Amino acid sequence: MEHTLNKRGGGFFRLKESGVIIALVILFVFFSVSTDTFLSSQNLMNILRQVSLLGIMTMGMTMVIVTGEFDLSVGSTFGMTGLLTGTFMSTLGYPIWVSIVLGVLIGIAVGLINGILVTYCRIPSFIVTLGMLNIVRGLALVITGGLVVVLNEKTVRYHDGLDSFFFTGSGKVGAMPVMAFFFIAVVVAAFFVLHKTIIGFWMKAVGGNSNAAQAVGIKVPFVKIVAFSILGGLAALAGIINLAFITNAQGTTGQGMELNVIAATVIGGTSISGGEGSILGAVIGVLITGILNNGLILIGASSFVQTVCIGAVIIGAVAIDVWSRRRQ
């Protein structure tokens, strides 16, 4: 019986991935035909750059949703950690590497707090992270007084290595943006964690049935806290790379980004109910989200239309997930 269930689960898994791959191909062909510039090398590299930061966070969000939880504070964490890292470099005069480490640790701390509140205080993750979204965003504005933090050789005291820092955000190796290499590295690491380690197995077990997981000795709170902490650290990493790209930061950076991160995760086939999801599917979901946003801009659609489309895609992806689970 267990073997049968595993076969069914595997078939269902492959079917969902096949569906998102087909959707990706359809979008790619549609925008290739609809616009003259979509297939240009410059635009394709722009898409790759745009999806890199989104993709880094989506890998962490996939783990959180696989455990059956949500994190709406990811956009605020992205913005605050970039802002604070810039503040450490400029206003406080910390060395660049110290500032980066502190920024990542702050992101992990936000995820850790989210995980503790969800697991030990038994507050729904939707409520916890919605509140954290506002707390983190508010703290960023309070700390900087709403001002923009600008990085250059005049504002950064220890500017040795500043050019290298900027290179991580805006540099290229050949035609490939450097930030894309960070995305690829995170994808490889996330694939290993979710699909090749015991903690990844625990994440799926907890998301599938937390009571059963607890009964067989899996420490459910620990698993969820790890997932939230990983997402917080990855959101911080993306925020710092974004700081290196635009060389400035403000309290509103990353506003609304959580919508795209959740969209990419769900579109990629991660079950909204938890227990199912793959890194490959998440990568495809990221590409679909990036191509959709880019293609809509190229055909002249307004940002309002983009928001409507992303919202509609989320509802559609969740509806397909619910329908598939009922059939299963």
C-alpha atoms as a PDB file:
ATOM      1  CA  MET A   1       0.000   0.000   0.000  1.00  0.00           C
ATOM      2  CA  GLU A   2       2.829   2.379   0.878  1.00  0.00           C
ATOM      3  CA  HIS A   3       4.483   1.632  -2.450  1.00  0.00           C
ATOM      4  CA  THR A   4       1.226   2.426  -4.259  1.00  0.00           C
ATOM      5  CA  LEU A   5       0.869   5.727  -2.454  1.00  0.00           C
ATOM      6  CA  ASN A   6       4.427   6.666  -3.301  1.00  0.00           C
ATOM      7  CA  LYS A   7       3.801   5.890  -6.957  1.00  0.00           C
ATOM      8  CA  ARG A   8       0.650   7.957  -6.971  1.00  0.00           C
ATOM      9  CA  GLY A   9       2.380  10.809  -5.197  1.00  0.00           C
ATOM     10  CA  GLY A  10       5.227  10.654  -7.697  1.00  0.00           C
ATOM     11  CA  GLY A  11       2.839  10.705 -10.664  1.00  0.00           C
ATOM     12  CA  PHE A  12       0.935  13.611  -9.187  1.00  0.00           C
ATOM     13  CA  PHE A  13       4.206  15.439  -8.578  1.00  0.00           C
ATOM     14  CA  ARG A  14       5.371  14.965 -12.170  1.00  0.00           C
ATOM     15  CA  LEU A  15       1.990  16.025 -13.501  1.00  0.00           C
ATOM     16  CA  LYS A  16       2.123  19.329 -11.603  1.00  0.00           C
ATOM     17  CA  GLU A  17       5.671  20.052 -12.781  1.00  0.00           C
ATOM     18  CA  SER A  18       4.703  19.205 -16.356  1.00  0.00           C
ATOM     19  CA  GLY A  19       1.809  21.652 -16.104  1.00  0.00           C
ATOM     20  CA  VAL A  20       3.972  24.578 -15.005  1.00  0.00           C
ATOM     21  CA  ILE A  21       6.561  23.792 -17.674  1.00  0.00           C
ATOM     22  CA  ILE A  22       3.811  23.897 -20.317  1.00  0.00           C
ATOM     23  CA  ALA A  23       2.593  27.231 -18.887  1.00  0.00           C
ATOM     24  CA  LEU A  24       6.148  28.577 -19.034  1.00  0.00           C
ATOM     25  CA  VAL A  25       6.528  27.567 -22.689  1.00  0.00           C
ATOM     26  CA  ILE A  26       3.153  29.094 -23.618  1.00  0.00           C
ATOM     27  CA  LEU A  27       4.051  32.418 -21.955  1.00  0.00           C
ATOM     28  CA  PHE A  28       7.477  32.440 -23.602  1.00  0.00           C
ATOM     29  CA  VAL A  29       6.033  31.821 -27.062  1.00  0.00           C
ATOM     30  CA  PHE A  30       3.210  34.339 -26.575  1.00  0.00           C
ATOM     31  CA  PHE A  31       5.469  37.225 -25.607  1.00  0.00           C
ATOM     32  CA  SER A  32       8.023  36.251 -28.258  1.00  0.00           C
ATOM     33  CA  VAL A  33       5.326  36.669 -30.913  1.00  0.00           C
ATOM     34  CA  SER A  34       3.675  39.702 -29.307  1.00  0.00           C
ATOM     35  CA  THR A  35       6.785  41.869 -28.992  1.00  0.00           C
ATOM     36  CA  ASP A  36       9.892  42.497 -31.054  1.00  0.00           C
ATOM     37  CA  THR A  37      12.204  43.006 -28.072  1.00  0.00           C
ATOM     38  CA  PHE A  38      11.301  40.073 -25.831  1.00  0.00           C
ATOM     39  CA  LEU A  39      13.844  37.695 -27.383  1.00  0.00           C
ATOM     40  CA  SER A  40      16.659  40.242 -27.476  1.00  0.00           C
ATOM     41  CA  SER A  41      19.703  39.184 -25.469  1.00  0.00           C
ATOM     42  CA  GLN A  42      19.512  42.362 -23.411  1.00  0.00           C
ATOM     43  CA  ASN A  43      15.904  41.722 -22.405  1.00  0.00           C
ATOM     44  CA  LEU A  44      16.566  38.067 -21.581  1.00  0.00           C
ATOM     45  CA  MET A  45      19.451  39.122 -19.333  1.00  0.00           C
ATOM     46  CA  ASN A  46      17.154  41.707 -17.757  1.00  0.00           C
ATOM     47  CA  ILE A  47      14.643  38.949 -16.996  1.00  0.00           C
ATOM     48  CA  LEU A  48      17.400  36.842 -15.478  1.00  0.00           C
ATOM     49  CA  ARG A  49      18.479  39.746 -13.287  1.00  0.00           C
ATOM     50  CA  GLN A  50      14.899  40.486 -12.252  1.00  0.00           C
ATOM     51  CA  VAL A  51      14.120  36.895 -11.295  1.00  0.00           C
ATOM     52  CA  SER A  52      17.370  36.335  -9.394  1.00  0.00           C
ATOM     53  CA  LEU A  53      16.392  38.249  -6.266  1.00  0.00           C
ATOM     54  CA  LEU A  54      12.833  36.954  -6.463  1.00  0.00           C
ATOM     55  CA  GLY A  55      14.179  33.442  -6.896  1.00  0.00           C
ATOM     56  CA  ILE A  56      16.491  33.605  -3.893  1.00  0.00           C
ATOM     57  CA  MET A  57      13.547  34.418  -1.633  1.00  0.00           C
ATOM     58  CA  THR A  58      11.240  31.932  -3.348  1.00  0.00           C
ATOM     59  CA  MET A  59      13.562  29.062  -2.405  1.00  0.00           C
ATOM     60  CA  GLY A  60      13.061  29.949   1.258  1.00  0.00           C
ATOM     61  CA  MET A  61       9.330  30.542   0.861  1.00  0.00           C
ATOM     62  CA  THR A  62       8.994  27.093  -0.703  1.00  0.00           C
ATOM     63  CA  MET A  63      10.386  25.531   2.477  1.00  0.00           C
ATOM     64  CA  VAL A  64       8.055  27.557   4.696  1.00  0.00           C
ATOM     65  CA  ILE A  65       4.932  26.706   2.685  1.00  0.00           C
ATOM     66  CA  VAL A  66       5.979  23.051   2.463  1.00  0.00           C
ATOM     67  CA  THR A  67       5.807  23.011   6.289  1.00  0.00           C
ATOM     68  CA  GLY A  68       2.249  24.343   6.059  1.00  0.00           C
ATOM     69  CA  GLU A  69       2.965  27.959   7.007  1.00  0.00           C
ATOM     70  CA  PHE A  70       3.182  31.411   5.361  1.00  0.00           C
ATOM     71  CA  ASP A  71       5.468  34.422   5.622  1.00  0.00           C
ATOM     72  CA  LEU A  72       4.032  37.768   4.559  1.00  0.00           C
ATOM     73  CA  SER A  73       6.944  39.724   6.057  1.00  0.00           C
ATOM     74  CA  VAL A  74       9.503  38.643   3.449  1.00  0.00           C
ATOM     75  CA  GLY A  75       9.272  41.897   1.455  1.00  0.00           C
ATOM     76  CA  SER A  76       9.772  44.005   4.563  1.00  0.00           C
ATOM     77  CA  THR A  77      12.716  41.854   5.650  1.00  0.00           C
ATOM     78  CA  PHE A  78      14.199  42.276   2.178  1.00  0.00           C
ATOM     79  CA  GLY A  79      13.883  46.056   2.427  1.00  0.00           C
ATOM     80  CA  MET A  80      14.957  46.481   6.062  1.00  0.00           C
ATOM     81  CA  THR A  81      18.086  44.333   5.879  1.00  0.00           C
ATOM     82  CA  GLY A  82      19.302  46.149   2.781  1.00  0.00           C
ATOM     83  CA  LEU A  83      18.592  49.472   4.468  1.00  0.00           C
ATOM     84  CA  LEU A  84      20.326  48.512   7.721  1.00  0.00           C
ATOM     85  CA  THR A  85      23.325  47.058   5.893  1.00  0.00           C
ATOM     86  CA  GLY A  86      23.700  50.371   4.079  1.00  0.00           C
ATOM     87  CA  THR A  87      23.317  52.243   7.375  1.00  0.00           C
ATOM     88  CA  PHE A  88      26.026  50.105   8.984  1.00  0.00           C
ATOM     89  CA  MET A  89      28.388  50.930   6.106  1.00  0.00           C
ATOM     90  CA  SER A  90      27.676  54.647   5.918  1.00  0.00           C
ATOM     91  CA  THR A  91      26.213  56.194   9.069  1.00  0.00           C
ATOM     92  CA  LEU A  92      27.883  53.827  11.571  1.00  0.00           C
ATOM     93  CA  GLY A  93      31.065  53.339   9.562  1.00  0.00           C
ATOM     94  CA  TYR A  94      31.328  49.544   9.914  1.00  0.00           C
ATOM     95  CA  PRO A  95      33.533  47.572   7.490  1.00  0.00           C
ATOM     96  CA  ILE A  96      31.663  46.208   4.495  1.00  0.00           C
ATOM     97  CA  TRP A  97      31.961  42.522   5.414  1.00  0.00           C
ATOM     98  CA  VAL A  98      30.834  43.198   8.990  1.00  0.00           C
ATOM     99  CA  SER A  99      27.815  45.099   7.697  1.00  0.00           C
ATOM    100  CA  ILE A 100      26.881  42.234   5.360  1.00  0.00           C
ATOM    101  CA  VAL A 101      27.146  39.618   8.122  1.00  0.00           C
ATOM    102  CA  LEU A 102      25.054  41.756  10.473  1.00  0.00           C
ATOM    103  CA  GLY A 103      22.434  42.253   7.751  1.00  0.00           C
ATOM    104  CA  VAL A 104      22.102  38.504   7.142  1.00  0.00           C
ATOM    105  CA  LEU A 105      21.944  37.812  10.897  1.00  0.00           C
ATOM    106  CA  ILE A 106      19.146  40.361  11.285  1.00  0.00           C
ATOM    107  CA  GLY A 107      17.189  38.616   8.532  1.00  0.00           C
ATOM    108  CA  ILE A 108      17.678  35.256  10.239  1.00  0.00           C
ATOM    109  CA  ALA A 109      16.572  36.816  13.536  1.00  0.00           C
ATOM    110  CA  VAL A 110      13.323  38.057  11.969  1.00  0.00           C
ATOM    111  CA  GLY A 111      12.629  34.567  10.636  1.00  0.00           C
ATOM    112  CA  LEU A 112      13.524  33.055  14.013  1.00  0.00           C
ATOM    113  CA  ILE A 113      11.062  35.332  15.810  1.00  0.00           C
ATOM    114  CA  ASN A 114       8.352  34.475  13.282  1.00  0.00           C
ATOM    115  CA  GLY A 115       8.967  30.779  13.803  1.00  0.00           C
ATOM    116  CA  ILE A 116       8.927  31.011  17.599  1.00  0.00           C
ATOM    117  CA  LEU A 117       5.699  33.010  17.655  1.00  0.00           C
ATOM    118  CA  VAL A 118       4.021  30.575  15.261  1.00  0.00           C
ATOM    119  CA  THR A 119       5.132  27.387  16.996  1.00  0.00           C
ATOM    120  CA  TYR A 120       5.350  28.174  20.704  1.00  0.00           C
ATOM    121  CA  CYS A 121       2.744  30.928  20.974  1.00  0.00           C
ATOM    122  CA  ARG A 122       0.467  29.056  18.538  1.00  0.00           C
ATOM    123  CA  ILE A 123      -0.443  32.197  16.608  1.00  0.00           C
ATOM    124  CA  PRO A 124      -1.379  31.562  12.946  1.00  0.00           C
ATOM    125  CA  SER A 125       1.528  32.390  10.655  1.00  0.00           C
ATOM    126  CA  PHE A 126      -0.717  34.648   8.582  1.00  0.00           C
ATOM    127  CA  ILE A 127      -1.318  36.873  11.614  1.00  0.00           C
ATOM    128  CA  VAL A 128       2.261  36.731  12.930  1.00  0.00           C
ATOM    129  CA  THR A 129       3.906  37.610   9.635  1.00  0.00           C
ATOM    130  CA  LEU A 130       1.292  40.218   8.757  1.00  0.00           C
ATOM    131  CA  GLY A 131       2.123  41.949  12.014  1.00  0.00           C
ATOM    132  CA  MET A 132       5.857  41.469  11.441  1.00  0.00           C
ATOM    133  CA  LEU A 133       5.486  43.007   7.984  1.00  0.00           C
ATOM    134  CA  ASN A 134       4.400  46.269   9.596  1.00  0.00           C
ATOM    135  CA  ILE A 135       6.825  46.062  12.534  1.00  0.00           C
ATOM    136  CA  VAL A 136       9.871  45.520  10.324  1.00  0.00           C
ATOM    137  CA  ARG A 137       8.794  48.166   7.827  1.00  0.00           C
ATOM    138  CA  GLY A 138       8.080  50.640  10.621  1.00  0.00           C
ATOM    139  CA  LEU A 139      11.423  49.992  12.317  1.00  0.00           C
ATOM    140  CA  ALA A 140      13.250  50.629   9.059  1.00  0.00           C
ATOM    141  CA  LEU A 141      11.520  53.983   8.692  1.00  0.00           C
ATOM    142  CA  VAL A 142      12.059  54.916  12.339  1.00  0.00           C
ATOM    143  CA  ILE A 143      15.769  54.047  12.292  1.00  0.00           C
ATOM    144  CA  THR A 144      16.461  56.123   9.177  1.00  0.00           C
ATOM    145  CA  GLY A 145      13.840  58.800   9.790  1.00  0.00           C
ATOM    146  CA  GLY A 146      12.427  58.006   6.359  1.00  0.00           C
ATOM    147  CA  LEU A 147      15.632  59.157   4.665  1.00  0.00           C
ATOM    148  CA  VAL A 148      17.393  57.432   1.769  1.00  0.00           C
ATOM    149  CA  VAL A 149      20.716  55.739   2.523  1.00  0.00           C
ATOM    150  CA  VAL A 150      23.178  56.307  -0.321  1.00  0.00           C
ATOM    151  CA  LEU A 151      26.418  54.367  -0.771  1.00  0.00           C
ATOM    152  CA  ASN A 152      29.483  55.817  -2.468  1.00  0.00           C
ATOM    153  CA  GLU A 153      33.122  56.493  -1.625  1.00  0.00           C
ATOM    154  CA  LYS A 154      32.153  59.680   0.209  1.00  0.00           C
ATOM    155  CA  THR A 155      29.471  58.159   2.427  1.00  0.00           C
ATOM    156  CA  VAL A 156      31.195  54.824   3.224  1.00  0.00           C
ATOM    157  CA  ARG A 157      34.053  55.212   5.701  1.00  0.00           C
ATOM    158  CA  TYR A 158      35.805  51.894   4.976  1.00  0.00           C
ATOM    159  CA  HIS A 159      35.407  51.889   1.215  1.00  0.00           C
ATOM    160  CA  ASP A 160      38.060  49.249   0.520  1.00  0.00           C
ATOM    161  CA  GLY A 161      36.168  46.554  -1.326  1.00  0.00           C
ATOM    162  CA  LEU A 162      33.252  48.844  -2.142  1.00  0.00           C
ATOM    163  CA  ASP A 163      33.711  48.308  -5.874  1.00  0.00           C
ATOM    164  CA  SER A 164      33.665  44.542  -5.329  1.00  0.00           C
ATOM    165  CA  PHE A 165      30.474  44.912  -3.319  1.00  0.00           C
ATOM    166  CA  PHE A 166      28.828  46.884  -6.127  1.00  0.00           C
ATOM    167  CA  PHE A 167      30.062  44.258  -8.605  1.00  0.00           C
ATOM    168  CA  THR A 168      27.999  41.582  -6.837  1.00  0.00           C
ATOM    169  CA  GLY A 169      24.886  43.588  -7.660  1.00  0.00           C
ATOM    170  CA  SER A 170      25.505  45.130 -11.070  1.00  0.00           C
ATOM    171  CA  GLY A 171      28.499  43.225 -12.436  1.00  0.00           C
ATOM    172  CA  LYS A 172      28.505  40.639 -15.212  1.00  0.00           C
ATOM    173  CA  VAL A 173      30.588  37.616 -16.051  1.00  0.00           C
ATOM    174  CA  GLY A 174      30.398  37.611 -19.810  1.00  0.00           C
ATOM    175  CA  ALA A 175      26.731  38.343 -20.481  1.00  0.00           C
ATOM    176  CA  MET A 176      25.564  36.700 -17.246  1.00  0.00           C
ATOM    177  CA  PRO A 177      24.637  39.008 -14.325  1.00  0.00           C
ATOM    178  CA  VAL A 178      26.633  38.191 -11.190  1.00  0.00           C
ATOM    179  CA  MET A 179      23.464  38.101  -9.086  1.00  0.00           C
ATOM    180  CA  ALA A 180      22.275  35.197 -11.256  1.00  0.00           C
ATOM    181  CA  PHE A 181      25.181  33.139  -9.913  1.00  0.00           C
ATOM    182  CA  PHE A 182      23.939  33.827  -6.387  1.00  0.00           C
ATOM    183  CA  PHE A 183      20.503  32.601  -7.478  1.00  0.00           C
ATOM    184  CA  ILE A 184      21.966  29.424  -8.966  1.00  0.00           C
ATOM    185  CA  ALA A 185      24.007  28.770  -5.817  1.00  0.00           C
ATOM    186  CA  VAL A 186      20.929  29.203  -3.618  1.00  0.00           C
ATOM    187  CA  VAL A 187      18.903  26.890  -5.875  1.00  0.00           C
ATOM    188  CA  VAL A 188      21.560  24.162  -5.590  1.00  0.00           C
ATOM    189  CA  ALA A 189      21.751  24.565  -1.805  1.00  0.00           C
ATOM    190  CA  ALA A 190      17.959  24.622  -1.422  1.00  0.00           C
ATOM    191  CA  PHE A 191      17.594  21.524  -3.606  1.00  0.00           C
ATOM    192  CA  PHE A 192      20.081  19.686  -1.427  1.00  0.00           C
ATOM    193  CA  VAL A 193      18.384  20.752   1.810  1.00  0.00           C
ATOM    194  CA  LEU A 194      14.792  20.027   0.743  1.00  0.00           C
ATOM    195  CA  HIS A 195      15.345  16.861  -1.290  1.00  0.00           C
ATOM    196  CA  LYS A 196      18.542  15.272   0.009  1.00  0.00           C
ATOM    197  CA  THR A 197      18.634  15.866   3.777  1.00  0.00           C
ATOM    198  CA  ILE A 198      16.645  14.654   6.753  1.00  0.00           C
ATOM    199  CA  ILE A 199      15.494  18.205   7.553  1.00  0.00           C
ATOM    200  CA  GLY A 200      13.902  18.402   4.096  1.00  0.00           C
ATOM    201  CA  PHE A 201      12.095  15.121   4.711  1.00  0.00           C
ATOM    202  CA  TRP A 202      10.925  16.469   8.069  1.00  0.00           C
ATOM    203  CA  MET A 203       9.612  19.649   6.412  1.00  0.00           C
ATOM    204  CA  LYS A 204       7.427  17.623   4.053  1.00  0.00           C
ATOM    205  CA  ALA A 205       6.297  15.319   6.859  1.00  0.00           C
ATOM    206  CA  VAL A 206       5.355  18.256   9.095  1.00  0.00           C
ATOM    207  CA  GLY A 207       3.456  19.975   6.281  1.00  0.00           C
ATOM    208  CA  GLY A 208       1.682  16.757   5.328  1.00  0.00           C
ATOM    209  CA  ASN A 209       0.498  15.899   8.836  1.00  0.00           C
ATOM    210  CA  SER A 210       2.080  17.657  11.812  1.00  0.00           C
ATOM    211  CA  ASN A 211       0.351  15.404  14.358  1.00  0.00           C
ATOM    212  CA  ALA A 212       1.648  12.247  12.695  1.00  0.00           C
ATOM    213  CA  ALA A 213       5.103  13.814  12.391  1.00  0.00           C
ATOM    214  CA  GLN A 214       5.065  14.664  16.094  1.00  0.00           C
ATOM    215  CA  ALA A 215       3.942  11.121  16.915  1.00  0.00           C
ATOM    216  CA  VAL A 216       6.954   9.556  15.181  1.00  0.00           C
ATOM    217  CA  GLY A 217       9.392  11.812  17.004  1.00  0.00           C
ATOM    218  CA  ILE A 218       9.888  14.734  14.608  1.00  0.00           C
ATOM    219  CA  LYS A 219      10.320  18.020  16.468  1.00  0.00           C
ATOM    220  CA  VAL A 220       7.688  20.048  14.656  1.00  0.00           C
ATOM    221  CA  PRO A 221       8.522  23.457  16.239  1.00  0.00           C
ATOM    222  CA  PHE A 222      12.214  23.035  15.410  1.00  0.00           C
ATOM    223  CA  VAL A 223      11.479  22.203  11.764  1.00  0.00           C
ATOM    224  CA  LYS A 224       9.198  25.212  11.277  1.00  0.00           C
ATOM    225  CA  ILE A 225      11.620  27.566  13.024  1.00  0.00           C
ATOM    226  CA  VAL A 226      14.425  26.354  10.734  1.00  0.00           C
ATOM    227  CA  ALA A 227      12.261  26.998   7.657  1.00  0.00           C
ATOM    228  CA  PHE A 228      11.353  30.521   8.791  1.00  0.00           C
ATOM    229  CA  SER A 229      14.994  31.278   9.685  1.00  0.00           C
ATOM    230  CA  ILE A 230      16.248  30.102   6.286  1.00  0.00           C
ATOM    231  CA  LEU A 231      13.706  32.339   4.560  1.00  0.00           C
ATOM    232  CA  GLY A 232      14.704  35.305   6.721  1.00  0.00           C
ATOM    233  CA  GLY A 233      18.381  34.792   5.878  1.00  0.00           C
ATOM    234  CA  LEU A 234      17.671  34.454   2.149  1.00  0.00           C
ATOM    235  CA  ALA A 235      15.461  37.574   2.189  1.00  0.00           C
ATOM    236  CA  ALA A 236      18.363  39.428   3.809  1.00  0.00           C
ATOM    237  CA  LEU A 237      20.818  38.106   1.220  1.00  0.00           C
ATOM    238  CA  ALA A 238      18.530  39.270  -1.595  1.00  0.00           C
ATOM    239  CA  GLY A 239      18.093  42.668   0.075  1.00  0.00           C
ATOM    240  CA  ILE A 240      21.864  43.132   0.369  1.00  0.00           C
ATOM    241  CA  ILE A 241      22.453  42.150  -3.267  1.00  0.00           C
ATOM    242  CA  ASN A 242      19.729  44.623  -4.248  1.00  0.00           C
ATOM    243  CA  LEU A 243      21.556  47.289  -2.213  1.00  0.00           C
ATOM    244  CA  ALA A 244      24.731  46.511  -4.161  1.00  0.00           C
ATOM    245  CA  PHE A 245      22.784  46.864  -7.411  1.00  0.00           C
ATOM    246  CA  ILE A 246      20.993  50.179  -6.822  1.00  0.00           C
ATOM    247  CA  THR A 247      23.606  51.576  -4.338  1.00  0.00           C
ATOM    248  CA  ASN A 248      20.897  53.120  -2.141  1.00  0.00           C
ATOM    249  CA  ALA A 249      18.059  51.995   0.089  1.00  0.00           C
ATOM    250  CA  GLN A 250      14.951  53.400   1.724  1.00  0.00           C
ATOM    251  CA  GLY A 251      12.242  52.218   4.076  1.00  0.00           C
ATOM    252  CA  THR A 252       9.764  51.414   1.297  1.00  0.00           C
ATOM    253  CA  THR A 253      12.134  49.132  -0.643  1.00  0.00           C
ATOM    254  CA  GLY A 254      10.566  45.727  -1.292  1.00  0.00           C
ATOM    255  CA  GLN A 255       7.021  46.892  -0.621  1.00  0.00           C
ATOM    256  CA  GLY A 256       4.579  44.362  -2.047  1.00  0.00           C
ATOM    257  CA  MET A 257       7.351  41.933  -2.992  1.00  0.00           C
ATOM    258  CA  GLU A 258       5.839  39.215  -0.820  1.00  0.00           C
ATOM    259  CA  LEU A 259       3.027  38.924  -3.389  1.00  0.00           C
ATOM    260  CA  ASN A 260       5.433  37.923  -6.156  1.00  0.00           C
ATOM    261  CA  VAL A 261       7.361  35.559  -3.883  1.00  0.00           C
ATOM    262  CA  ILE A 262       4.217  33.712  -2.795  1.00  0.00           C
ATOM    263  CA  ALA A 263       2.942  33.733  -6.385  1.00  0.00           C
ATOM    264  CA  ALA A 264       6.144  32.161  -7.715  1.00  0.00           C
ATOM    265  CA  THR A 265       6.075  29.522  -4.976  1.00  0.00           C
ATOM    266  CA  VAL A 266       2.452  28.531  -5.511  1.00  0.00           C
ATOM    267  CA  ILE A 267       2.680  28.696  -9.313  1.00  0.00           C
ATOM    268  CA  GLY A 268       5.644  26.336  -9.073  1.00  0.00           C
ATOM    269  CA  GLY A 269       3.425  23.623  -7.636  1.00  0.00           C
ATOM    270  CA  THR A 270       4.069  23.968  -3.900  1.00  0.00           C
ATOM    271  CA  SER A 271       0.852  22.928  -2.197  1.00  0.00           C
ATOM    272  CA  ILE A 272      -0.834  25.699  -0.266  1.00  0.00           C
ATOM    273  CA  SER A 273      -1.820  23.066   2.312  1.00  0.00           C
ATOM    274  CA  GLY A 274       1.776  22.024   2.903  1.00  0.00           C
ATOM    275  CA  GLY A 275       3.580  18.727   2.517  1.00  0.00           C
ATOM    276  CA  GLU A 276       4.289  18.990  -1.213  1.00  0.00           C
ATOM    277  CA  GLY A 277       6.673  21.113  -3.209  1.00  0.00           C
ATOM    278  CA  SER A 278       9.914  21.005  -5.162  1.00  0.00           C
ATOM    279  CA  ILE A 279      12.802  23.345  -5.831  1.00  0.00           C
ATOM    280  CA  LEU A 280      12.603  22.636  -9.569  1.00  0.00           C
ATOM    281  CA  GLY A 281       8.945  23.626  -9.565  1.00  0.00           C
ATOM    282  CA  ALA A 282       9.788  26.767  -7.586  1.00  0.00           C
ATOM    283  CA  VAL A 283      12.418  27.760 -10.160  1.00  0.00           C
ATOM    284  CA  ILE A 284       9.868  27.345 -12.953  1.00  0.00           C
ATOM    285  CA  GLY A 285       7.370  29.393 -10.937  1.00  0.00           C
ATOM    286  CA  VAL A 286       9.968  32.157 -10.581  1.00  0.00           C
ATOM    287  CA  LEU A 287      10.587  32.163 -14.338  1.00  0.00           C
ATOM    288  CA  ILE A 288       6.851  32.294 -15.079  1.00  0.00           C
ATOM    289  CA  THR A 289       6.384  35.235 -12.699  1.00  0.00           C
ATOM    290  CA  GLY A 290       9.388  37.080 -14.134  1.00  0.00           C
ATOM    291  CA  ILE A 291       8.418  36.498 -17.754  1.00  0.00           C
ATOM    292  CA  LEU A 292       4.821  37.511 -17.048  1.00  0.00           C
ATOM    293  CA  ASN A 293       5.862  40.791 -15.426  1.00  0.00           C
ATOM    294  CA  ASN A 294       8.436  41.555 -18.106  1.00  0.00           C
ATOM    295  CA  GLY A 295       6.149  40.629 -21.003  1.00  0.00           C
ATOM    296  CA  LEU A 296       3.274  42.744 -19.691  1.00  0.00           C
ATOM    297  CA  ILE A 297       5.594  45.751 -19.498  1.00  0.00           C
ATOM    298  CA  LEU A 298       6.781  45.195 -23.065  1.00  0.00           C
ATOM    299  CA  ILE A 299       3.230  45.068 -24.447  1.00  0.00           C
ATOM    300  CA  GLY A 300       2.421  48.322 -22.635  1.00  0.00           C
ATOM    301  CA  ALA A 301       0.333  47.022 -19.730  1.00  0.00           C
ATOM    302  CA  SER A 302       0.268  49.259 -16.659  1.00  0.00           C
ATOM    303  CA  SER A 303       1.580  48.219 -13.244  1.00  0.00           C
ATOM    304  CA  PHE A 304      -2.058  47.940 -12.117  1.00  0.00           C
ATOM    305  CA  VAL A 305      -2.725  45.313 -14.784  1.00  0.00           C
ATOM    306  CA  GLN A 306       0.397  43.423 -13.691  1.00  0.00           C
ATOM    307  CA  THR A 307      -0.903  43.297 -10.125  1.00  0.00           C
ATOM    308  CA  VAL A 308      -4.286  42.051 -11.309  1.00  0.00           C
ATOM    309  CA  CYS A 309      -2.649  39.326 -13.410  1.00  0.00           C
ATOM    310  CA  ILE A 310      -0.405  38.132 -10.581  1.00  0.00           C
ATOM    311  CA  GLY A 311      -3.408  37.990  -8.222  1.00  0.00           C
ATOM    312  CA  ALA A 312      -5.428  36.041 -10.785  1.00  0.00           C
ATOM    313  CA  VAL A 313      -2.555  33.620 -11.339  1.00  0.00           C
ATOM    314  CA  ILE A 314      -2.276  32.985  -7.576  1.00  0.00           C
ATOM    315  CA  ILE A 315      -5.995  32.194  -7.330  1.00  0.00           C
ATOM    316  CA  GLY A 316      -5.769  29.942 -10.380  1.00  0.00           C
ATOM    317  CA  ALA A 317      -2.739  28.075  -9.023  1.00  0.00           C
ATOM    318  CA  VAL A 318      -4.401  27.515  -5.647  1.00  0.00           C
ATOM    319  CA  ALA A 319      -7.637  26.387  -7.325  1.00  0.00           C
ATOM    320  CA  ILE A 320      -5.703  23.846  -9.401  1.00  0.00           C
ATOM    321  CA  ASP A 321      -3.899  22.643  -6.271  1.00  0.00           C
ATOM    322  CA  VAL A 322      -7.161  22.152  -4.358  1.00  0.00           C
ATOM    323  CA  TRP A 323      -8.778  20.363  -7.321  1.00  0.00           C
ATOM    324  CA  SER A 324      -5.760  18.096  -7.735  1.00  0.00           C
ATOM    325  CA  ARG A 325      -5.682  17.168  -4.059  1.00  0.00           C
ATOM    326  CA  ARG A 326      -9.375  16.309  -4.104  1.00  0.00           C
ATOM    327  CA  ARG A 327      -8.875  14.042  -7.116  1.00  0.00           C
ATOM    328  CA  GLN A 328      -5.897  12.431  -5.452  1.00  0.00           C
END
